[in-house]
Amino acid sequence: MPHKAEDALLLRPRLLLSKEFGAGQIQDEYYANLMEEITLAGYRRHLAVEAAPGPLSRQEEEMKEIKESESRVEISVNTKHNTLSALAFPFKEEALEGLATYGAGSCDYVQLAIDTDTGAEEVVL
């Protein structure tokens, strides 16, 4: 009769380990079907799979893509945007002379203004 009880415990190794060590001592249960799953590398693959996020629904994937695209936009105090690549209208000779004077170092400041009614430029040195 004692052989039947031992055989039953051998058929259930998990129960045997729980009984021998106590259920509170077992930190992780791992089931292996192949010999390579018993190795340390196999166990590490198991841990990596367990740590990976689960599959996402279509709606969750779309929300993730939206969040990622929104987070890529960097706007801060130091962000600079090119708003005007060039001025595409003719300058009066007076404005060009003022810019040349500034370029030569003869003055520290040149102010160009456009009269919106007439379209004429004003130059202040």
PDB file of N, CA and C in Angstrom:
ATOM      1  N   MET A   1       0.795  -1.217   0.000  1.00  0.00           N
ATOM      2  CA  MET A   1       0.000   0.000   0.000  1.00  0.00           C
ATOM      3  C   MET A   1       0.838   1.284   0.000  1.00  0.00           C
ATOM      4  N   PRO A   2       1.943   1.343   0.735  1.00  0.00           N
ATOM      5  CA  PRO A   2       2.705   2.587   0.719  1.00  0.00           C
ATOM      6  C   PRO A   2       3.245   2.905  -0.651  1.00  0.00           C
ATOM      7  N   HIS A   3       3.447   1.895  -1.507  1.00  0.00           N
ATOM      8  CA  HIS A   3       3.966   2.161  -2.848  1.00  0.00           C
ATOM      9  C   HIS A   3       2.986   2.956  -3.692  1.00  0.00           C
ATOM     10  N   LYS A   4       1.709   2.710  -3.533  1.00  0.00           N
ATOM     11  CA  LYS A   4       0.717   3.449  -4.308  1.00  0.00           C
ATOM     12  C   LYS A   4       0.728   4.929  -3.946  1.00  0.00           C
ATOM     13  N   ALA A   5       0.894   5.246  -2.694  1.00  0.00           N
ATOM     14  CA  ALA A   5       0.927   6.648  -2.263  1.00  0.00           C
ATOM     15  C   ALA A   5       2.178   7.331  -2.815  1.00  0.00           C
ATOM     16  N   GLU A   6       3.313   6.660  -2.801  1.00  0.00           N
ATOM     17  CA  GLU A   6       4.545   7.240  -3.341  1.00  0.00           C
ATOM     18  C   GLU A   6       4.433   7.425  -4.856  1.00  0.00           C
ATOM     19  N   ASP A   7       3.857   6.432  -5.526  1.00  0.00           N
ATOM     20  CA  ASP A   7       3.687   6.540  -6.972  1.00  0.00           C
ATOM     21  C   ASP A   7       2.780   7.712  -7.332  1.00  0.00           C
ATOM     22  N   ALA A   8       1.745   7.937  -6.557  1.00  0.00           N
ATOM     23  CA  ALA A   8       0.828   9.044  -6.818  1.00  0.00           C
ATOM     24  C   ALA A   8       1.564  10.376  -6.656  1.00  0.00           C
ATOM     25  N   LEU A   9       2.445  10.480  -5.665  1.00  0.00           N
ATOM     26  CA  LEU A   9       3.204  11.712  -5.477  1.00  0.00           C
ATOM     27  C   LEU A   9       4.230  11.917  -6.586  1.00  0.00           C
ATOM     28  N   LEU A  10       4.814  10.835  -7.074  1.00  0.00           N
ATOM     29  CA  LEU A  10       5.779  10.955  -8.153  1.00  0.00           C
ATOM     30  C   LEU A  10       5.110  11.385  -9.457  1.00  0.00           C
ATOM     31  N   LEU A  11       3.869  11.031  -9.626  1.00  0.00           N
ATOM     32  CA  LEU A  11       3.143  11.438 -10.813  1.00  0.00           C
ATOM     33  C   LEU A  11       2.787  12.932 -10.759  1.00  0.00           C
ATOM     34  N   ARG A  12       2.802  13.490  -9.582  1.00  0.00           N
ATOM     35  CA  ARG A  12       2.482  14.905  -9.421  1.00  0.00           C
ATOM     36  C   ARG A  12       3.670  15.620  -8.766  1.00  0.00           C
ATOM     37  N   PRO A  13       4.726  15.899  -9.539  1.00  0.00           N
ATOM     38  CA  PRO A  13       5.923  16.502  -8.952  1.00  0.00           C
ATOM     39  C   PRO A  13       5.682  17.888  -8.371  1.00  0.00           C
ATOM     40  N   ARG A  14       4.768  18.616  -8.943  1.00  0.00           N
ATOM     41  CA  ARG A  14       4.479  19.947  -8.397  1.00  0.00           C
ATOM     42  C   ARG A  14       3.925  19.839  -6.986  1.00  0.00           C
ATOM     43  N   LEU A  15       3.013  18.916  -6.801  1.00  0.00           N
ATOM     44  CA  LEU A  15       2.455  18.694  -5.476  1.00  0.00           C
ATOM     45  C   LEU A  15       3.540  18.233  -4.512  1.00  0.00           C
ATOM     46  N   LEU A  16       4.445  17.393  -5.002  1.00  0.00           N
ATOM     47  CA  LEU A  16       5.536  16.899  -4.174  1.00  0.00           C
ATOM     48  C   LEU A  16       6.453  18.042  -3.743  1.00  0.00           C
ATOM     49  N   LEU A  17       6.818  18.906  -4.675  1.00  0.00           N
ATOM     50  CA  LEU A  17       7.679  20.036  -4.334  1.00  0.00           C
ATOM     51  C   LEU A  17       6.983  20.999  -3.376  1.00  0.00           C
ATOM     52  N   SER A  18       5.716  21.259  -3.607  1.00  0.00           N
ATOM     53  CA  SER A  18       4.973  22.127  -2.710  1.00  0.00           C
ATOM     54  C   SER A  18       4.931  21.544  -1.307  1.00  0.00           C
ATOM     55  N   LYS A  19       4.772  20.249  -1.240  1.00  0.00           N
ATOM     56  CA  LYS A  19       4.692  19.586   0.067  1.00  0.00           C
ATOM     57  C   LYS A  19       6.049  19.607   0.758  1.00  0.00           C
ATOM     58  N   GLU A  20       7.124  19.343   0.008  1.00  0.00           N
ATOM     59  CA  GLU A  20       8.458  19.276   0.600  1.00  0.00           C
ATOM     60  C   GLU A  20       8.965  20.643   1.036  1.00  0.00           C
ATOM     61  N   PHE A  21       8.812  21.656   0.170  1.00  0.00           N
ATOM     62  CA  PHE A  21       9.391  22.962   0.456  1.00  0.00           C
ATOM     63  C   PHE A  21       8.397  23.950   1.054  1.00  0.00           C
ATOM     64  N   GLY A  22       7.136  23.704   0.893  1.00  0.00           N
ATOM     65  CA  GLY A  22       6.111  24.644   1.336  1.00  0.00           C
ATOM     66  C   GLY A  22       5.718  25.541   0.180  1.00  0.00           C
ATOM     67  N   ALA A  23       4.423  25.795   0.047  1.00  0.00           N
ATOM     68  CA  ALA A  23       3.913  26.561  -1.094  1.00  0.00           C
ATOM     69  C   ALA A  23       4.470  27.982  -1.116  1.00  0.00           C
ATOM     70  N   GLY A  24       4.776  28.559   0.034  1.00  0.00           N
ATOM     71  CA  GLY A  24       5.296  29.917   0.089  1.00  0.00           C
ATOM     72  C   GLY A  24       6.734  30.033  -0.380  1.00  0.00           C
ATOM     73  N   GLN A  25       7.463  28.920  -0.505  1.00  0.00           N
ATOM     74  CA  GLN A  25       8.856  28.942  -0.914  1.00  0.00           C
ATOM     75  C   GLN A  25       9.031  28.911  -2.430  1.00  0.00           C
ATOM     76  N   ILE A  26       8.021  28.529  -3.157  1.00  0.00           N
ATOM     77  CA  ILE A  26       8.114  28.434  -4.621  1.00  0.00           C
ATOM     78  C   ILE A  26       7.755  29.794  -5.204  1.00  0.00           C
ATOM     79  N   GLN A  27       8.723  30.405  -5.870  1.00  0.00           N
ATOM     80  CA  GLN A  27       8.549  31.754  -6.394  1.00  0.00           C
ATOM     81  C   GLN A  27       7.907  31.757  -7.786  1.00  0.00           C
ATOM     82  N   ASP A  28       8.273  30.812  -8.629  1.00  0.00           N
ATOM     83  CA  ASP A  28       7.801  30.818 -10.008  1.00  0.00           C
ATOM     84  C   ASP A  28       7.586  29.382 -10.458  1.00  0.00           C
ATOM     85  N   GLU A  29       6.494  29.157 -11.172  1.00  0.00           N
ATOM     86  CA  GLU A  29       6.244  27.840 -11.751  1.00  0.00           C
ATOM     87  C   GLU A  29       6.498  27.934 -13.244  1.00  0.00           C
ATOM     88  N   TYR A  30       7.212  26.945 -13.763  1.00  0.00           N
ATOM     89  CA  TYR A  30       7.608  26.960 -15.159  1.00  0.00           C
ATOM     90  C   TYR A  30       7.383  25.573 -15.730  1.00  0.00           C
ATOM     91  N   TYR A  31       6.629  25.486 -16.815  1.00  0.00           N
ATOM     92  CA  TYR A  31       6.355  24.212 -17.462  1.00  0.00           C
ATOM     93  C   TYR A  31       7.181  24.114 -18.730  1.00  0.00           C
ATOM     94  N   ALA A  32       7.883  23.024 -18.909  1.00  0.00           N
ATOM     95  CA  ALA A  32       8.720  22.820 -20.089  1.00  0.00           C
ATOM     96  C   ALA A  32       8.264  21.574 -20.822  1.00  0.00           C
ATOM     97  N   ASN A  33       8.202  21.653 -22.130  1.00  0.00           N
ATOM     98  CA  ASN A  33       7.821  20.511 -22.958  1.00  0.00           C
ATOM     99  C   ASN A  33       8.996  19.935 -23.722  1.00  0.00           C
ATOM    100  N   LEU A  34      10.016  20.771 -23.986  1.00  0.00           N
ATOM    101  CA  LEU A  34      11.171  20.328 -24.747  1.00  0.00           C
ATOM    102  C   LEU A  34      12.416  20.365 -23.868  1.00  0.00           C
ATOM    103  N   MET A  35      13.417  19.603 -24.255  1.00  0.00           N
ATOM    104  CA  MET A  35      14.655  19.561 -23.472  1.00  0.00           C
ATOM    105  C   MET A  35      15.341  20.935 -23.453  1.00  0.00           C
ATOM    106  N   GLU A  36      15.286  21.659 -24.564  1.00  0.00           N
ATOM    107  CA  GLU A  36      15.949  22.967 -24.590  1.00  0.00           C
ATOM    108  C   GLU A  36      15.233  23.999 -23.716  1.00  0.00           C
ATOM    109  N   GLU A  37      13.988  23.762 -23.353  1.00  0.00           N
ATOM    110  CA  GLU A  37      13.281  24.668 -22.452  1.00  0.00           C
ATOM    111  C   GLU A  37      13.727  24.492 -21.003  1.00  0.00           C
ATOM    112  N   ILE A  38      14.405  23.405 -20.725  1.00  0.00           N
ATOM    113  CA  ILE A  38      14.874  23.142 -19.357  1.00  0.00           C
ATOM    114  C   ILE A  38      16.172  23.897 -19.066  1.00  0.00           C
ATOM    115  N   THR A  39      16.851  24.367 -20.089  1.00  0.00           N
ATOM    116  CA  THR A  39      18.125  25.057 -19.902  1.00  0.00           C
ATOM    117  C   THR A  39      17.896  26.473 -19.359  1.00  0.00           C
ATOM    118  N   LEU A  40      18.988  27.096 -18.908  1.00  0.00           N
ATOM    119  CA  LEU A  40      18.908  28.462 -18.411  1.00  0.00           C
ATOM    120  C   LEU A  40      18.485  29.412 -19.525  1.00  0.00           C
ATOM    121  N   ALA A  41      18.987  29.191 -20.733  1.00  0.00           N
ATOM    122  CA  ALA A  41      18.599  30.043 -21.867  1.00  0.00           C
ATOM    123  C   ALA A  41      17.101  29.907 -22.150  1.00  0.00           C
ATOM    124  N   GLY A  42      16.572  28.716 -22.046  1.00  0.00           N
ATOM    125  CA  GLY A  42      15.143  28.498 -22.247  1.00  0.00           C
ATOM    126  C   GLY A  42      14.315  29.205 -21.192  1.00  0.00           C
ATOM    127  N   TYR A  43      14.795  29.166 -19.950  1.00  0.00           N
ATOM    128  CA  TYR A  43      14.087  29.852 -18.870  1.00  0.00           C
ATOM    129  C   TYR A  43      14.137  31.368 -19.077  1.00  0.00           C
ATOM    130  N   ARG A  44      15.273  31.877 -19.545  1.00  0.00           N
ATOM    131  CA  ARG A  44      15.376  33.324 -19.809  1.00  0.00           C
ATOM    132  C   ARG A  44      14.437  33.740 -20.945  1.00  0.00           C
ATOM    133  N   ARG A  45      14.296  32.902 -21.976  1.00  0.00           N
ATOM    134  CA  ARG A  45      13.328  33.182 -23.044  1.00  0.00           C
ATOM    135  C   ARG A  45      11.909  33.227 -22.477  1.00  0.00           C
ATOM    136  N   HIS A  46      11.626  32.301 -21.577  1.00  0.00           N
ATOM    137  CA  HIS A  46      10.310  32.266 -20.923  1.00  0.00           C
ATOM    138  C   HIS A  46      10.056  33.566 -20.162  1.00  0.00           C
ATOM    139  N   LEU A  47      11.059  34.036 -19.423  1.00  0.00           N
ATOM    140  CA  LEU A  47      10.910  35.286 -18.671  1.00  0.00           C
ATOM    141  C   LEU A  47      10.712  36.471 -19.612  1.00  0.00           C
ATOM    142  N   ALA A  48      11.417  36.501 -20.741  1.00  0.00           N
ATOM    143  CA  ALA A  48      11.270  37.589 -21.714  1.00  0.00           C
ATOM    144  C   ALA A  48       9.865  37.599 -22.306  1.00  0.00           C
ATOM    145  N   VAL A  49       9.335  36.416 -22.603  1.00  0.00           N
ATOM    146  CA  VAL A  49       7.979  36.324 -23.153  1.00  0.00           C
ATOM    147  C   VAL A  49       6.956  36.769 -22.109  1.00  0.00           C
ATOM    148  N   GLU A  50       7.159  36.391 -20.867  1.00  0.00           N
ATOM    149  CA  GLU A  50       6.240  36.780 -19.800  1.00  0.00           C
ATOM    150  C   GLU A  50       6.247  38.290 -19.576  1.00  0.00           C
ATOM    151  N   ALA A  51       7.412  38.921 -19.750  1.00  0.00           N
ATOM    152  CA  ALA A  51       7.535  40.367 -19.522  1.00  0.00           C
ATOM    153  C   ALA A  51       7.012  41.185 -20.699  1.00  0.00           C
ATOM    154  N   ALA A  52       6.886  40.580 -21.861  1.00  0.00           N
ATOM    155  CA  ALA A  52       6.426  41.305 -23.057  1.00  0.00           C
ATOM    156  C   ALA A  52       4.959  41.695 -22.889  1.00  0.00           C
ATOM    157  N   PRO A  53       4.569  42.854 -23.463  1.00  0.00           N
ATOM    158  CA  PRO A  53       3.164  43.259 -23.368  1.00  0.00           C
ATOM    159  C   PRO A  53       2.271  42.341 -24.193  1.00  0.00           C
ATOM    160  N   GLY A  54       1.046  42.247 -23.789  1.00  0.00           N
ATOM    161  CA  GLY A  54       0.092  41.403 -24.494  1.00  0.00           C
ATOM    162  C   GLY A  54      -0.325  42.024 -25.817  1.00  0.00           C
ATOM    163  N   PRO A  55      -1.045  41.286 -26.630  1.00  0.00           N
ATOM    164  CA  PRO A  55      -1.476  41.822 -27.931  1.00  0.00           C
ATOM    165  C   PRO A  55      -2.481  42.958 -27.726  1.00  0.00           C
ATOM    166  N   LEU A  56      -2.450  43.924 -28.657  1.00  0.00           N
ATOM    167  CA  LEU A  56      -3.346  45.074 -28.587  1.00  0.00           C
ATOM    168  C   LEU A  56      -4.482  44.925 -29.589  1.00  0.00           C
ATOM    169  N   SER A  57      -5.631  45.471 -29.231  1.00  0.00           N
ATOM    170  CA  SER A  57      -6.739  45.499 -30.180  1.00  0.00           C
ATOM    171  C   SER A  57      -6.448  46.569 -31.233  1.00  0.00           C
ATOM    172  N   ARG A  58      -7.229  46.604 -32.284  1.00  0.00           N
ATOM    173  CA  ARG A  58      -7.012  47.592 -33.348  1.00  0.00           C
ATOM    174  C   ARG A  58      -7.129  49.019 -32.790  1.00  0.00           C
ATOM    175  N   GLN A  59      -8.113  49.245 -31.919  1.00  0.00           N
ATOM    176  CA  GLN A  59      -8.310  50.577 -31.336  1.00  0.00           C
ATOM    177  C   GLN A  59      -7.115  50.947 -30.447  1.00  0.00           C
ATOM    178  N   GLU A  60      -6.610  49.997 -29.668  1.00  0.00           N
ATOM    179  CA  GLU A  60      -5.451  50.273 -28.816  1.00  0.00           C
ATOM    180  C   GLU A  60      -4.211  50.569 -29.651  1.00  0.00           C
ATOM    181  N   GLU A  61      -4.037  49.861 -30.772  1.00  0.00           N
ATOM    182  CA  GLU A  61      -2.911  50.130 -31.662  1.00  0.00           C
ATOM    183  C   GLU A  61      -2.993  51.535 -32.249  1.00  0.00           C
ATOM    184  N   GLU A  62      -4.190  51.949 -32.664  1.00  0.00           N
ATOM    185  CA  GLU A  62      -4.373  53.287 -33.213  1.00  0.00           C
ATOM    186  C   GLU A  62      -4.080  54.353 -32.166  1.00  0.00           C
ATOM    187  N   MET A  63      -4.534  54.142 -30.928  1.00  0.00           N
ATOM    188  CA  MET A  63      -4.273  55.106 -29.862  1.00  0.00           C
ATOM    189  C   MET A  63      -2.770  55.183 -29.569  1.00  0.00           C
ATOM    190  N   LYS A  64      -2.092  54.044 -29.613  1.00  0.00           N
ATOM    191  CA  LYS A  64      -0.646  54.027 -29.383  1.00  0.00           C
ATOM    192  C   LYS A  64       0.080  54.812 -30.479  1.00  0.00           C
ATOM    193  N   GLU A  65      -0.320  54.633 -31.730  1.00  0.00           N
ATOM    194  CA  GLU A  65       0.290  55.366 -32.845  1.00  0.00           C
ATOM    195  C   GLU A  65       0.064  56.864 -32.706  1.00  0.00           C
ATOM    196  N   ILE A  66      -1.135  57.257 -32.283  1.00  0.00           N
ATOM    197  CA  ILE A  66      -1.439  58.679 -32.098  1.00  0.00           C
ATOM    198  C   ILE A  66      -0.566  59.264 -31.001  1.00  0.00           C
ATOM    199  N   LYS A  67      -0.444  58.558 -29.886  1.00  0.00           N
ATOM    200  CA  LYS A  67       0.386  59.042 -28.780  1.00  0.00           C
ATOM    201  C   LYS A  67       1.848  59.155 -29.197  1.00  0.00           C
ATOM    202  N   GLU A  68       2.340  58.179 -29.952  1.00  0.00           N
ATOM    203  CA  GLU A  68       3.730  58.221 -30.401  1.00  0.00           C
ATOM    204  C   GLU A  68       3.965  59.388 -31.352  1.00  0.00           C
ATOM    205  N   SER A  69       3.027  59.628 -32.273  1.00  0.00           N
ATOM    206  CA  SER A  69       3.209  60.727 -33.214  1.00  0.00           C
ATOM    207  C   SER A  69       3.110  62.074 -32.502  1.00  0.00           C
ATOM    208  N   GLU A  70       2.254  62.173 -31.495  1.00  0.00           N
ATOM    209  CA  GLU A  70       2.149  63.416 -30.739  1.00  0.00           C
ATOM    210  C   GLU A  70       3.380  63.649 -29.877  1.00  0.00           C
ATOM    211  N   SER A  71       3.968  62.600 -29.377  1.00  0.00           N
ATOM    212  CA  SER A  71       5.123  62.768 -28.493  1.00  0.00           C
ATOM    213  C   SER A  71       6.388  63.097 -29.268  1.00  0.00           C
ATOM    214  N   ARG A  72       6.412  62.850 -30.566  1.00  0.00           N
ATOM    215  CA  ARG A  72       7.594  63.164 -31.376  1.00  0.00           C
ATOM    216  C   ARG A  72       7.729  64.660 -31.645  1.00  0.00           C
ATOM    217  N   VAL A  73       6.644  65.407 -31.529  1.00  0.00           N
ATOM    218  CA  VAL A  73       6.675  66.839 -31.789  1.00  0.00           C
ATOM    219  C   VAL A  73       7.325  67.520 -30.594  1.00  0.00           C
ATOM    220  N   GLU A  74       8.416  68.204 -30.867  1.00  0.00           N
ATOM    221  CA  GLU A  74       9.126  68.885 -29.794  1.00  0.00           C
ATOM    222  C   GLU A  74       8.903  70.386 -29.917  1.00  0.00           C
ATOM    223  N   ILE A  75       8.219  70.925 -28.940  1.00  0.00           N
ATOM    224  CA  ILE A  75       7.993  72.360 -28.903  1.00  0.00           C
ATOM    225  C   ILE A  75       8.475  72.844 -27.553  1.00  0.00           C
ATOM    226  N   SER A  76       9.416  73.765 -27.584  1.00  0.00           N
ATOM    227  CA  SER A  76       9.939  74.317 -26.343  1.00  0.00           C
ATOM    228  C   SER A  76      10.339  75.760 -26.572  1.00  0.00           C
ATOM    229  N   VAL A  77      10.944  76.337 -25.555  1.00  0.00           N
ATOM    230  CA  VAL A  77      11.388  77.720 -25.661  1.00  0.00           C
ATOM    231  C   VAL A  77      12.457  77.858 -26.731  1.00  0.00           C
ATOM    232  N   ASN A  78      13.271  76.832 -26.902  1.00  0.00           N
ATOM    233  CA  ASN A  78      14.376  76.882 -27.848  1.00  0.00           C
ATOM    234  C   ASN A  78      13.996  76.452 -29.265  1.00  0.00           C
ATOM    235  N   THR A  79      12.760  76.028 -29.479  1.00  0.00           N
ATOM    236  CA  THR A  79      12.331  75.583 -30.793  1.00  0.00           C
ATOM    237  C   THR A  79      12.268  76.769 -31.744  1.00  0.00           C
ATOM    238  N   LYS A  80      12.854  76.618 -32.899  1.00  0.00           N
ATOM    239  CA  LYS A  80      12.856  77.696 -33.892  1.00  0.00           C
ATOM    240  C   LYS A  80      12.250  77.171 -35.184  1.00  0.00           C
ATOM    241  N   HIS A  81      11.364  77.950 -35.737  1.00  0.00           N
ATOM    242  CA  HIS A  81      10.747  77.590 -37.004  1.00  0.00           C
ATOM    243  C   HIS A  81      11.096  78.653 -38.034  1.00  0.00           C
ATOM    244  N   ASN A  82      11.383  78.220 -39.226  1.00  0.00           N
ATOM    245  CA  ASN A  82      11.691  79.134 -40.305  1.00  0.00           C
ATOM    246  C   ASN A  82      10.374  79.676 -40.842  1.00  0.00           C
ATOM    247  N   THR A  83      10.092  80.941 -40.570  1.00  0.00           N
ATOM    248  CA  THR A  83       8.808  81.502 -40.986  1.00  0.00           C
ATOM    249  C   THR A  83       8.881  82.272 -42.290  1.00  0.00           C
ATOM    250  N   LEU A  84      10.047  82.847 -42.582  1.00  0.00           N
ATOM    251  CA  LEU A  84      10.194  83.631 -43.800  1.00  0.00           C
ATOM    252  C   LEU A  84      11.560  83.326 -44.387  1.00  0.00           C
ATOM    253  N   SER A  85      11.579  82.626 -45.494  1.00  0.00           N
ATOM    254  CA  SER A  85      12.861  82.217 -46.056  1.00  0.00           C
ATOM    255  C   SER A  85      13.546  83.346 -46.816  1.00  0.00           C
ATOM    256  N   ALA A  86      12.787  84.252 -47.390  1.00  0.00           N
ATOM    257  CA  ALA A  86      13.373  85.363 -48.156  1.00  0.00           C
ATOM    258  C   ALA A  86      12.330  86.447 -48.344  1.00  0.00           C
ATOM    259  N   LEU A  87      12.805  87.650 -48.583  1.00  0.00           N
ATOM    260  CA  LEU A  87      11.905  88.747 -48.913  1.00  0.00           C
ATOM    261  C   LEU A  87      11.797  88.813 -50.430  1.00  0.00           C
ATOM    262  N   ALA A  88      10.582  88.784 -50.920  1.00  0.00           N
ATOM    263  CA  ALA A  88      10.391  88.694 -52.367  1.00  0.00           C
ATOM    264  C   ALA A  88       9.759  89.958 -52.938  1.00  0.00           C
ATOM    265  N   PHE A  89      10.271  91.113 -52.546  1.00  0.00           N
ATOM    266  CA  PHE A  89       9.795  92.350 -53.150  1.00  0.00           C
ATOM    267  C   PHE A  89      10.988  93.285 -53.314  1.00  0.00           C
ATOM    268  N   PRO A  90      10.908  94.229 -54.251  1.00  0.00           N
ATOM    269  CA  PRO A  90      12.051  95.114 -54.501  1.00  0.00           C
ATOM    270  C   PRO A  90      12.212  96.148 -53.382  1.00  0.00           C
ATOM    271  N   PHE A  91      13.469  96.437 -53.043  1.00  0.00           N
ATOM    272  CA  PHE A  91      13.777  97.473 -52.054  1.00  0.00           C
ATOM    273  C   PHE A  91      14.072  98.785 -52.773  1.00  0.00           C
ATOM    274  N   LYS A  92      13.749  99.872 -52.087  1.00  0.00           N
ATOM    275  CA  LYS A  92      14.158 101.183 -52.592  1.00  0.00           C
ATOM    276  C   LYS A  92      15.664 101.306 -52.429  1.00  0.00           C
ATOM    277  N   GLU A  93      16.260 102.184 -53.178  1.00  0.00           N
ATOM    278  CA  GLU A  93      17.704 102.404 -53.104  1.00  0.00           C
ATOM    279  C   GLU A  93      18.115 102.847 -51.700  1.00  0.00           C
ATOM    280  N   GLU A  94      17.268 103.644 -51.050  1.00  0.00           N
ATOM    281  CA  GLU A  94      17.550 104.125 -49.691  1.00  0.00           C
ATOM    282  C   GLU A  94      17.666 102.960 -48.702  1.00  0.00           C
ATOM    283  N   ALA A  95      16.802 101.938 -48.849  1.00  0.00           N
ATOM    284  CA  ALA A  95      16.847 100.770 -47.964  1.00  0.00           C
ATOM    285  C   ALA A  95      18.117  99.962 -48.212  1.00  0.00           C
ATOM    286  N   LEU A  96      18.493  99.787 -49.464  1.00  0.00           N
ATOM    287  CA  LEU A  96      19.713  99.037 -49.781  1.00  0.00           C
ATOM    288  C   LEU A  96      20.953  99.756 -49.264  1.00  0.00           C
ATOM    289  N   GLU A  97      20.956 101.100 -49.353  1.00  0.00           N
ATOM    290  CA  GLU A  97      22.086 101.871 -48.831  1.00  0.00           C
ATOM    291  C   GLU A  97      22.167 101.742 -47.310  1.00  0.00           C
ATOM    292  N   GLY A  98      21.022 101.736 -46.634  1.00  0.00           N
ATOM    293  CA  GLY A  98      20.987 101.571 -45.178  1.00  0.00           C
ATOM    294  C   GLY A  98      21.546 100.223 -44.761  1.00  0.00           C
ATOM    295  N   LEU A  99      21.197  99.155 -45.509  1.00  0.00           N
ATOM    296  CA  LEU A  99      21.720  97.819 -45.209  1.00  0.00           C
ATOM    297  C   LEU A  99      23.215  97.740 -45.474  1.00  0.00           C
ATOM    298  N   ALA A 100      23.689  98.413 -46.520  1.00  0.00           N
ATOM    299  CA  ALA A 100      25.116  98.437 -46.819  1.00  0.00           C
ATOM    300  C   ALA A 100      25.876  99.182 -45.726  1.00  0.00           C
ATOM    301  N   THR A 101      25.293 100.281 -45.205  1.00  0.00           N
ATOM    302  CA  THR A 101      25.902 101.034 -44.114  1.00  0.00           C
ATOM    303  C   THR A 101      26.023 100.157 -42.864  1.00  0.00           C
ATOM    304  N   TYR A 102      24.982  99.392 -42.580  1.00  0.00           N
ATOM    305  CA  TYR A 102      25.004  98.470 -41.436  1.00  0.00           C
ATOM    306  C   TYR A 102      26.061  97.380 -41.649  1.00  0.00           C
ATOM    307  N   GLY A 103      26.138  96.854 -42.862  1.00  0.00           N
ATOM    308  CA  GLY A 103      27.114  95.811 -43.181  1.00  0.00           C
ATOM    309  C   GLY A 103      28.544  96.310 -43.067  1.00  0.00           C
ATOM    310  N   ALA A 104      28.765  97.572 -43.331  1.00  0.00           N
ATOM    311  CA  ALA A 104      30.110  98.154 -43.240  1.00  0.00           C
ATOM    312  C   ALA A 104      30.486  98.462 -41.793  1.00  0.00           C
ATOM    313  N   GLY A 105      29.512  98.416 -40.873  1.00  0.00           N
ATOM    314  CA  GLY A 105      29.797  98.693 -39.467  1.00  0.00           C
ATOM    315  C   GLY A 105      29.676 100.153 -39.106  1.00  0.00           C
ATOM    316  N   SER A 106      29.152 100.984 -39.984  1.00  0.00           N
ATOM    317  CA  SER A 106      29.011 102.417 -39.711  1.00  0.00           C
ATOM    318  C   SER A 106      27.864 102.722 -38.748  1.00  0.00           C
ATOM    319  N   CYS A 107      26.898 101.823 -38.664  1.00  0.00           N
ATOM    320  CA  CYS A 107      25.802 102.002 -37.710  1.00  0.00           C
ATOM    321  C   CYS A 107      25.488 100.662 -37.050  1.00  0.00           C
ATOM    322  N   ASP A 108      24.817 100.724 -35.886  1.00  0.00           N
ATOM    323  CA  ASP A 108      24.520  99.516 -35.113  1.00  0.00           C
ATOM    324  C   ASP A 108      23.101  99.003 -35.332  1.00  0.00           C
ATOM    325  N   TYR A 109      22.270  99.783 -35.980  1.00  0.00           N
ATOM    326  CA  TYR A 109      20.853  99.434 -36.036  1.00  0.00           C
ATOM    327  C   TYR A 109      20.247  99.951 -37.337  1.00  0.00           C
ATOM    328  N   VAL A 110      19.486  99.100 -38.003  1.00  0.00           N
ATOM    329  CA  VAL A 110      18.730  99.505 -39.192  1.00  0.00           C
ATOM    330  C   VAL A 110      17.317  98.995 -39.001  1.00  0.00           C
ATOM    331  N   GLN A 111      16.356  99.882 -39.141  1.00  0.00           N
ATOM    332  CA  GLN A 111      14.963  99.468 -39.023  1.00  0.00           C
ATOM    333  C   GLN A 111      14.299  99.635 -40.372  1.00  0.00           C
ATOM    334  N   LEU A 112      13.737  98.554 -40.872  1.00  0.00           N
ATOM    335  CA  LEU A 112      12.988  98.598 -42.125  1.00  0.00           C
ATOM    336  C   LEU A 112      11.511  98.449 -41.785  1.00  0.00           C
ATOM    337  N   ALA A 113      10.693  99.277 -42.354  1.00  0.00           N
ATOM    338  CA  ALA A 113       9.254  99.202 -42.140  1.00  0.00           C
ATOM    339  C   ALA A 113       8.564  99.315 -43.487  1.00  0.00           C
ATOM    340  N   ILE A 114       7.390  98.716 -43.577  1.00  0.00           N
ATOM    341  CA  ILE A 114       6.622  98.763 -44.822  1.00  0.00           C
ATOM    342  C   ILE A 114       5.309  99.466 -44.538  1.00  0.00           C
ATOM    343  N   ASP A 115       5.026 100.476 -45.312  1.00  0.00           N
ATOM    344  CA  ASP A 115       3.741 101.162 -45.226  1.00  0.00           C
ATOM    345  C   ASP A 115       2.733 100.284 -45.965  1.00  0.00           C
ATOM    346  N   THR A 116       1.787  99.719 -45.251  1.00  0.00           N
ATOM    347  CA  THR A 116       0.851  98.768 -45.867  1.00  0.00           C
ATOM    348  C   THR A 116      -0.112  99.441 -46.831  1.00  0.00           C
ATOM    349  N   ASP A 117      -0.333 100.721 -46.669  1.00  0.00           N
ATOM    350  CA  ASP A 117      -1.244 101.413 -47.588  1.00  0.00           C
ATOM    351  C   ASP A 117      -0.595 101.626 -48.952  1.00  0.00           C
ATOM    352  N   THR A 118       0.645 102.097 -48.953  1.00  0.00           N
ATOM    353  CA  THR A 118       1.317 102.391 -50.227  1.00  0.00           C
ATOM    354  C   THR A 118       2.297 101.324 -50.661  1.00  0.00           C
ATOM    355  N   GLY A 119       2.726 100.474 -49.718  1.00  0.00           N
ATOM    356  CA  GLY A 119       3.704  99.437 -50.053  1.00  0.00           C
ATOM    357  C   GLY A 119       5.122  99.967 -50.077  1.00  0.00           C
ATOM    358  N   ALA A 120       5.349 101.166 -49.585  1.00  0.00           N
ATOM    359  CA  ALA A 120       6.678 101.761 -49.609  1.00  0.00           C
ATOM    360  C   ALA A 120       7.436 101.406 -48.335  1.00  0.00           C
ATOM    361  N   GLU A 121       8.764 101.244 -48.472  1.00  0.00           N
ATOM    362  CA  GLU A 121       9.591 100.944 -47.312  1.00  0.00           C
ATOM    363  C   GLU A 121      10.082 102.220 -46.663  1.00  0.00           C
ATOM    364  N   GLU A 122      10.264 102.168 -45.357  1.00  0.00           N
ATOM    365  CA  GLU A 122      10.876 103.250 -44.602  1.00  0.00           C
ATOM    366  C   GLU A 122      12.146 102.713 -43.998  1.00  0.00           C
ATOM    367  N   VAL A 123      13.191 103.509 -43.989  1.00  0.00           N
ATOM    368  CA  VAL A 123      14.478 103.104 -43.420  1.00  0.00           C
ATOM    369  C   VAL A 123      14.836 104.077 -42.308  1.00  0.00           C
ATOM    370  N   VAL A 124      15.190 103.509 -41.141  1.00  0.00           N
ATOM    371  CA  VAL A 124      15.656 104.321 -40.025  1.00  0.00           C
ATOM    372  C   VAL A 124      17.021 103.803 -39.650  1.00  0.00           C
ATOM    373  N   LEU A 125      18.036 104.656 -39.623  1.00  0.00           N
ATOM    374  CA  LEU A 125      19.385 104.242 -39.236  1.00  0.00           C
ATOM    375  C   LEU A 125      19.655 104.625 -37.812  1.00  0.00           C
TER     376      LEU A 125
END
